[in-house]
């Protein structure tokens, strides 16, 4: 079942600068058990994650 209230903070890097565009990408590597955060194309933070991965079952 999809849930709209599930969330967590697992990895974060430096604060974004006001008035400047910042490109953020979050990646979950299930094989490695890692969450990765990229800021402007550069790896900014990683965190081990061994919980259950989110699996969307509903319509887009």
Protein backbone atom coordinates (compact mmCIF):
# COMPACT_ATOMS: atom_id res chain seq x y z
CA UNK A 1 0.00 0.00 0.00
CA UNK A 2 1.32 3.45 -0.88
CA UNK A 3 1.48 5.94 1.96
CA UNK A 4 1.47 9.71 1.68
CA UNK A 5 2.75 10.25 5.21
CA UNK A 6 5.92 8.13 5.19
CA UNK A 7 9.13 10.16 5.21
CA UNK A 8 12.58 10.23 6.78
CA UNK A 9 15.80 12.18 6.68
CA UNK A 10 18.69 9.90 5.86
CA UNK A 11 21.38 11.97 4.15
CA UNK A 12 22.00 15.66 3.77
CA UNK A 13 24.80 17.98 2.81
CA UNK A 14 25.45 21.70 2.93
CA UNK A 15 22.62 24.23 2.81
CA UNK A 16 21.54 25.63 -0.55
CA UNK A 17 22.38 29.28 -1.22
CA UNK A 18 19.51 31.78 -1.48
CA UNK A 19 19.00 33.13 -5.00
CA UNK A 20 21.06 30.35 -6.62
CA UNK A 21 19.72 27.25 -8.38
CA UNK A 22 20.77 23.97 -6.79
CA UNK A 23 20.29 20.58 -8.47
CA UNK A 24 19.55 17.78 -5.97
CA UNK A 25 19.40 14.05 -6.73
CA UNK A 26 18.69 11.30 -4.22
CA UNK A 27 19.66 7.71 -5.08
CA UNK A 28 18.87 4.47 -3.27
CA UNK A 29 21.29 1.62 -4.03
CA UNK A 30 19.48 -1.48 -2.75
CA UNK A 31 22.42 -3.83 -3.45
CA UNK A 32 24.82 -1.67 -1.42
CA UNK A 33 22.21 -0.67 1.20
CA UNK A 34 23.09 3.01 0.71
CA UNK A 35 21.27 6.30 0.25
CA UNK A 36 23.26 8.87 -1.70
CA UNK A 37 22.71 12.61 -2.09
CA UNK A 38 24.19 14.47 -5.05
CA UNK A 39 24.33 18.29 -5.09
CA UNK A 40 25.05 19.91 -8.45
CA UNK A 41 26.32 16.60 -9.82
CA UNK A 42 28.76 15.89 -6.97
CA UNK A 43 28.29 13.29 -4.26
CA UNK A 44 27.53 15.24 -1.09
CA UNK A 45 26.46 12.64 1.48
CA UNK A 46 25.82 8.93 1.97
CA UNK A 47 24.01 6.95 4.62
CA UNK A 48 23.59 3.23 5.21
CA UNK A 49 19.95 2.14 4.94
CA UNK A 50 18.77 -1.38 5.68
CA UNK A 51 15.03 -0.70 5.95
CA UNK A 52 12.33 -1.70 3.51
CA UNK A 53 12.51 0.07 0.15
CA UNK A 54 9.45 2.03 -0.97
CA UNK A 55 7.55 0.27 -3.74
CA UNK A 56 4.85 2.27 -5.50
CA UNK A 57 1.86 0.16 -6.42
CA UNK A 58 -0.62 2.89 -7.31
CA UNK A 59 -1.12 4.90 -10.49
CA UNK A 60 1.17 7.75 -11.43
